[in-house]
Amino acid sequence: MKIQIHTRNANLAEDFKEIATEKLNSMERFNVVIDRVEVEVLHEANPHQGKHKHKVFLTSHGSGPLIRAEAAEFNDVAAFDIAIKAFALQIRKIHEKSKDYDRQTLRKMKTEI
């Protein structure tokens, strides 16, 4: 999975890139096809948005489903944590829908014999 990080009017934390790649690579445990994830960090200049200054948008691209999550918090790492939770929830739902829950019952077993 390729990870692209874009910033608008923001200075990222020193360890943001490491945290983002680690958490996004952990999403590969679900068998959902994602070729690329764009992480966009936006810093709001309005002083009235003090507690929600940093916004993070996660968008997946590729042959799989389109997944988008966003969050706003007091710093970029906290906003990313909330956005990755929403992103993981969507991936988990897609993964569970793709599972095959066809169980063998006695009726099916009798008709197959």
N, C-alpha and C. Protein backbone atom coordinates (compact mmCIF):
# COMPACT_ATOMS: atom_id res chain seq x y z
N MET A 1 0.85 -1.16 0.00
CA MET A 1 0.00 0.00 0.00
C MET A 1 0.90 1.23 0.00
N LYS A 2 0.60 2.14 -0.91
CA LYS A 2 1.36 3.38 -1.01
C LYS A 2 0.65 4.45 -0.18
N ILE A 3 1.42 5.21 0.56
CA ILE A 3 0.85 6.24 1.44
C ILE A 3 1.40 7.61 1.01
N GLN A 4 0.48 8.53 0.71
CA GLN A 4 0.87 9.88 0.33
C GLN A 4 0.34 10.84 1.39
N ILE A 5 1.22 11.71 1.87
CA ILE A 5 0.84 12.68 2.89
C ILE A 5 0.94 14.07 2.30
N HIS A 6 -0.18 14.80 2.33
CA HIS A 6 -0.24 16.18 1.84
C HIS A 6 -0.55 17.08 3.02
N THR A 7 0.04 18.27 3.02
CA THR A 7 -0.26 19.23 4.08
C THR A 7 -0.70 20.55 3.45
N ARG A 8 -1.62 21.20 4.14
CA ARG A 8 -2.03 22.55 3.73
C ARG A 8 -1.94 23.44 4.96
N ASN A 9 -1.08 24.42 4.90
CA ASN A 9 -0.90 25.39 5.99
C ASN A 9 -0.56 24.72 7.31
N ALA A 10 0.15 23.61 7.26
CA ALA A 10 0.41 22.87 8.51
C ALA A 10 1.87 22.43 8.57
N ASN A 11 2.38 22.39 9.78
CA ASN A 11 3.67 21.78 10.06
C ASN A 11 3.39 20.49 10.80
N LEU A 12 3.84 19.39 10.24
CA LEU A 12 3.56 18.09 10.85
C LEU A 12 4.46 17.83 12.04
N ALA A 13 3.98 17.01 12.95
CA ALA A 13 4.79 16.56 14.08
C ALA A 13 5.92 15.69 13.53
N GLU A 14 6.99 15.59 14.28
CA GLU A 14 8.18 14.86 13.81
C GLU A 14 7.89 13.38 13.56
N ASP A 15 7.08 12.79 14.39
CA ASP A 15 6.82 11.36 14.27
C ASP A 15 5.51 11.03 13.56
N PHE A 16 4.86 12.02 12.95
CA PHE A 16 3.56 11.81 12.31
C PHE A 16 3.66 10.81 11.15
N LYS A 17 4.69 10.95 10.35
CA LYS A 17 4.83 10.07 9.18
C LYS A 17 5.02 8.61 9.61
N GLU A 18 5.82 8.39 10.65
CA GLU A 18 6.04 7.03 11.15
C GLU A 18 4.75 6.43 11.72
N ILE A 19 4.02 7.23 12.49
CA ILE A 19 2.77 6.76 13.09
C ILE A 19 1.76 6.44 11.99
N ALA A 20 1.66 7.32 10.99
CA ALA A 20 0.70 7.12 9.91
C ALA A 20 1.01 5.86 9.11
N THR A 21 2.28 5.66 8.75
CA THR A 21 2.61 4.47 7.97
C THR A 21 2.40 3.19 8.77
N GLU A 22 2.73 3.22 10.04
CA GLU A 22 2.56 2.02 10.88
C GLU A 22 1.08 1.64 11.01
N LYS A 23 0.23 2.62 11.30
CA LYS A 23 -1.19 2.32 11.50
C LYS A 23 -1.88 1.97 10.19
N LEU A 24 -1.51 2.62 9.11
CA LEU A 24 -2.15 2.30 7.83
C LEU A 24 -1.68 0.95 7.30
N ASN A 25 -0.44 0.60 7.53
CA ASN A 25 0.03 -0.72 7.10
C ASN A 25 -0.62 -1.84 7.92
N SER A 26 -1.06 -1.54 9.14
CA SER A 26 -1.74 -2.56 9.92
C SER A 26 -3.13 -2.86 9.36
N MET A 27 -3.65 -2.01 8.50
CA MET A 27 -4.95 -2.25 7.87
C MET A 27 -4.89 -3.34 6.80
N GLU A 28 -3.69 -3.77 6.44
CA GLU A 28 -3.54 -4.82 5.43
C GLU A 28 -3.97 -6.18 5.96
N ARG A 29 -4.20 -6.30 7.26
CA ARG A 29 -4.64 -7.59 7.80
C ARG A 29 -6.04 -7.94 7.31
N PHE A 30 -6.82 -6.93 6.93
CA PHE A 30 -8.11 -7.18 6.30
C PHE A 30 -7.84 -7.38 4.82
N ASN A 31 -8.53 -8.29 4.22
CA ASN A 31 -8.28 -8.59 2.81
C ASN A 31 -9.09 -7.67 1.90
N VAL A 32 -8.89 -6.37 2.05
CA VAL A 32 -9.54 -5.37 1.22
C VAL A 32 -8.46 -4.75 0.34
N VAL A 33 -8.73 -4.70 -0.96
CA VAL A 33 -7.73 -4.20 -1.91
C VAL A 33 -7.68 -2.67 -1.85
N ILE A 34 -6.56 -2.14 -1.38
CA ILE A 34 -6.32 -0.70 -1.36
C ILE A 34 -4.94 -0.48 -1.94
N ASP A 35 -4.88 0.27 -3.04
CA ASP A 35 -3.60 0.52 -3.69
C ASP A 35 -2.88 1.71 -3.06
N ARG A 36 -3.65 2.75 -2.75
CA ARG A 36 -3.03 3.99 -2.27
C ARG A 36 -3.94 4.67 -1.25
N VAL A 37 -3.35 5.25 -0.23
CA VAL A 37 -4.10 6.03 0.76
C VAL A 37 -3.51 7.43 0.79
N GLU A 38 -4.38 8.43 0.64
CA GLU A 38 -3.94 9.81 0.75
C GLU A 38 -4.30 10.34 2.12
N VAL A 39 -3.32 10.89 2.81
CA VAL A 39 -3.52 11.52 4.11
C VAL A 39 -3.34 13.01 3.90
N GLU A 40 -4.41 13.77 4.15
CA GLU A 40 -4.34 15.21 3.95
C GLU A 40 -4.52 15.89 5.30
N VAL A 41 -3.56 16.74 5.65
CA VAL A 41 -3.59 17.44 6.93
C VAL A 41 -3.80 18.92 6.64
N LEU A 42 -4.84 19.48 7.24
CA LEU A 42 -5.20 20.88 7.02
C LEU A 42 -5.18 21.60 8.36
N HIS A 43 -4.53 22.75 8.39
CA HIS A 43 -4.48 23.57 9.61
C HIS A 43 -5.39 24.77 9.41
N GLU A 44 -6.37 24.89 10.28
CA GLU A 44 -7.33 25.99 10.20
C GLU A 44 -6.72 27.22 10.87
N ALA A 45 -6.70 28.35 10.16
CA ALA A 45 -6.09 29.56 10.68
C ALA A 45 -7.04 30.37 11.56
N ASN A 46 -8.31 30.05 11.54
CA ASN A 46 -9.30 30.78 12.33
C ASN A 46 -9.08 30.52 13.82
N PRO A 47 -8.87 31.55 14.63
CA PRO A 47 -8.61 31.33 16.06
C PRO A 47 -9.83 30.81 16.83
N HIS A 48 -11.02 30.95 16.29
CA HIS A 48 -12.23 30.44 16.95
C HIS A 48 -12.33 28.92 16.85
N GLN A 49 -11.52 28.32 16.00
CA GLN A 49 -11.51 26.87 15.84
C GLN A 49 -10.42 26.24 16.70
N GLY A 50 -10.12 26.81 17.84
CA GLY A 50 -8.98 26.42 18.67
C GLY A 50 -8.88 24.95 18.98
N LYS A 51 -9.97 24.32 19.43
CA LYS A 51 -9.91 22.92 19.82
C LYS A 51 -9.92 21.98 18.62
N HIS A 52 -10.33 22.50 17.49
CA HIS A 52 -10.42 21.66 16.29
C HIS A 52 -9.64 22.28 15.13
N LYS A 53 -8.44 22.74 15.43
CA LYS A 53 -7.61 23.42 14.44
C LYS A 53 -7.10 22.49 13.34
N HIS A 54 -6.71 21.30 13.70
CA HIS A 54 -6.08 20.38 12.76
C HIS A 54 -7.11 19.39 12.25
N LYS A 55 -7.23 19.33 10.92
CA LYS A 55 -8.15 18.39 10.30
C LYS A 55 -7.34 17.38 9.50
N VAL A 56 -7.75 16.13 9.57
CA VAL A 56 -7.08 15.05 8.83
C VAL A 56 -8.13 14.34 7.99
N PHE A 57 -7.83 14.17 6.70
CA PHE A 57 -8.70 13.46 5.77
C PHE A 57 -7.94 12.24 5.27
N LEU A 58 -8.56 11.07 5.34
CA LEU A 58 -7.99 9.84 4.80
C LEU A 58 -8.87 9.39 3.64
N THR A 59 -8.25 9.13 2.49
CA THR A 59 -8.99 8.68 1.31
C THR A 59 -8.25 7.53 0.68
N SER A 60 -8.98 6.45 0.38
CA SER A 60 -8.35 5.29 -0.27
C SER A 60 -8.62 5.35 -1.77
N HIS A 61 -7.66 4.88 -2.54
CA HIS A 61 -7.77 4.82 -3.99
C HIS A 61 -7.33 3.44 -4.44
N GLY A 62 -7.93 2.98 -5.51
CA GLY A 62 -7.52 1.69 -6.06
C GLY A 62 -8.70 0.93 -6.61
N SER A 63 -8.48 -0.34 -6.85
CA SER A 63 -9.52 -1.16 -7.45
C SER A 63 -10.57 -1.59 -6.42
N GLY A 64 -10.29 -1.42 -5.16
CA GLY A 64 -11.24 -1.76 -4.11
C GLY A 64 -12.23 -0.64 -3.88
N PRO A 65 -12.97 -0.69 -2.80
CA PRO A 65 -13.97 0.34 -2.52
C PRO A 65 -13.33 1.67 -2.10
N LEU A 66 -14.07 2.74 -2.32
CA LEU A 66 -13.62 4.06 -1.90
C LEU A 66 -13.96 4.24 -0.43
N ILE A 67 -12.95 4.52 0.38
CA ILE A 67 -13.14 4.72 1.81
C ILE A 67 -12.61 6.10 2.16
N ARG A 68 -13.42 6.86 2.90
CA ARG A 68 -13.02 8.21 3.27
C ARG A 68 -13.36 8.43 4.74
N ALA A 69 -12.43 9.01 5.47
CA ALA A 69 -12.65 9.33 6.88
C ALA A 69 -12.00 10.67 7.17
N GLU A 70 -12.60 11.40 8.09
CA GLU A 70 -12.04 12.69 8.47
C GLU A 70 -12.25 12.93 9.95
N ALA A 71 -11.37 13.78 10.51
CA ALA A 71 -11.47 14.13 11.93
C ALA A 71 -10.80 15.48 12.15
N ALA A 72 -11.23 16.16 13.20
CA ALA A 72 -10.66 17.45 13.57
C ALA A 72 -10.39 17.44 15.07
N GLU A 73 -9.17 17.81 15.45
CA GLU A 73 -8.78 17.84 16.86
C GLU A 73 -7.78 18.96 17.11
N PHE A 74 -7.23 18.99 18.32
CA PHE A 74 -6.31 20.05 18.72
C PHE A 74 -4.91 19.90 18.14
N ASN A 75 -4.52 18.68 17.73
CA ASN A 75 -3.24 18.52 17.02
C ASN A 75 -3.40 17.45 15.96
N ASP A 76 -2.42 17.34 15.09
CA ASP A 76 -2.56 16.46 13.92
C ASP A 76 -2.54 14.98 14.29
N VAL A 77 -1.79 14.59 15.31
CA VAL A 77 -1.72 13.17 15.69
C VAL A 77 -3.05 12.72 16.31
N ALA A 78 -3.65 13.56 17.14
CA ALA A 78 -4.94 13.22 17.75
C ALA A 78 -6.03 13.12 16.68
N ALA A 79 -6.00 14.03 15.72
CA ALA A 79 -6.98 13.98 14.63
C ALA A 79 -6.77 12.73 13.78
N PHE A 80 -5.52 12.35 13.56
CA PHE A 80 -5.24 11.14 12.78
C PHE A 80 -5.73 9.90 13.51
N ASP A 81 -5.57 9.84 14.83
CA ASP A 81 -6.04 8.69 15.61
C ASP A 81 -7.55 8.50 15.46
N ILE A 82 -8.30 9.58 15.52
CA ILE A 82 -9.76 9.48 15.38
C ILE A 82 -10.13 9.09 13.95
N ALA A 83 -9.44 9.66 12.97
CA ALA A 83 -9.74 9.34 11.58
C ALA A 83 -9.40 7.89 11.25
N ILE A 84 -8.31 7.37 11.80
CA ILE A 84 -7.92 5.98 11.50
C ILE A 84 -8.91 5.00 12.14
N LYS A 85 -9.52 5.37 13.25
CA LYS A 85 -10.55 4.51 13.85
C LYS A 85 -11.76 4.41 12.94
N ALA A 86 -12.19 5.52 12.37
CA ALA A 86 -13.32 5.51 11.44
C ALA A 86 -12.96 4.76 10.17
N PHE A 87 -11.73 4.93 9.70
CA PHE A 87 -11.24 4.23 8.50
C PHE A 87 -11.21 2.73 8.74
N ALA A 88 -10.72 2.32 9.90
CA ALA A 88 -10.65 0.89 10.24
C ALA A 88 -12.03 0.28 10.37
N LEU A 89 -12.97 1.02 10.91
CA LEU A 89 -14.34 0.52 11.04
C LEU A 89 -14.95 0.25 9.67
N GLN A 90 -14.71 1.14 8.73
CA GLN A 90 -15.24 0.94 7.38
C GLN A 90 -14.59 -0.26 6.70
N ILE A 91 -13.28 -0.40 6.86
CA ILE A 91 -12.58 -1.54 6.26
C ILE A 91 -13.08 -2.84 6.89
N ARG A 92 -13.28 -2.84 8.20
CA ARG A 92 -13.76 -4.05 8.88
C ARG A 92 -15.15 -4.44 8.39
N LYS A 93 -16.03 -3.47 8.18
CA LYS A 93 -17.37 -3.76 7.66
C LYS A 93 -17.30 -4.37 6.27
N ILE A 94 -16.45 -3.83 5.42
CA ILE A 94 -16.29 -4.37 4.07
C ILE A 94 -15.73 -5.78 4.12
N HIS A 95 -14.77 -6.00 5.00
CA HIS A 95 -14.17 -7.33 5.14
C HIS A 95 -15.20 -8.35 5.62
N GLU A 96 -16.02 -7.98 6.58
CA GLU A 96 -17.01 -8.91 7.10
C GLU A 96 -18.11 -9.22 6.09
N LYS A 97 -18.44 -8.26 5.23
CA LYS A 97 -19.44 -8.51 4.19
C LYS A 97 -18.93 -9.50 3.16
N SER A 98 -17.63 -9.51 2.95
CA SER A 98 -17.07 -10.39 1.92
C SER A 98 -16.85 -11.81 2.41
N LYS A 99 -17.00 -12.05 3.71
CA LYS A 99 -16.82 -13.40 4.24
C LYS A 99 -17.95 -14.31 3.78
N ASP A 100 -17.66 -15.58 3.66
CA ASP A 100 -18.66 -16.57 3.28
C ASP A 100 -19.12 -17.29 4.54
N TYR A 101 -20.37 -17.10 4.91
CA TYR A 101 -20.90 -17.70 6.11
C TYR A 101 -21.78 -18.91 5.81
N ASP A 102 -21.59 -19.55 4.67
CA ASP A 102 -22.40 -20.70 4.31
C ASP A 102 -21.99 -21.89 5.16
N ARG A 103 -22.87 -22.28 6.06
CA ARG A 103 -22.57 -23.38 6.97
C ARG A 103 -23.29 -24.64 6.49
N GLN A 104 -22.70 -25.76 6.75
CA GLN A 104 -23.31 -27.03 6.39
C GLN A 104 -24.44 -27.36 7.37
N THR A 105 -25.60 -27.67 6.85
CA THR A 105 -26.71 -28.10 7.68
C THR A 105 -27.03 -29.54 7.34
N LEU A 106 -27.81 -30.17 8.18
CA LEU A 106 -28.17 -31.57 7.94
C LEU A 106 -28.97 -31.73 6.66
N ARG A 107 -29.85 -30.78 6.37
CA ARG A 107 -30.64 -30.86 5.14
C ARG A 107 -29.75 -30.83 3.90
N LYS A 108 -28.79 -29.92 3.88
CA LYS A 108 -27.90 -29.83 2.73
C LYS A 108 -27.05 -31.08 2.61
N MET A 109 -26.62 -31.61 3.74
CA MET A 109 -25.78 -32.80 3.70
C MET A 109 -26.56 -34.00 3.18
N LYS A 110 -27.85 -34.13 3.51
CA LYS A 110 -28.66 -35.26 3.04
C LYS A 110 -28.91 -35.17 1.54
N THR A 111 -29.11 -33.95 1.03
CA THR A 111 -29.39 -33.79 -0.40
C THR A 111 -28.13 -34.00 -1.23
N GLU A 112 -26.97 -33.73 -0.69
CA GLU A 112 -25.72 -33.91 -1.43
C GLU A 112 -25.32 -35.37 -1.53
N ILE A 113 -25.75 -36.20 -0.61
CA ILE A 113 -25.34 -37.62 -0.61
C ILE A 113 -26.06 -38.40 -1.65
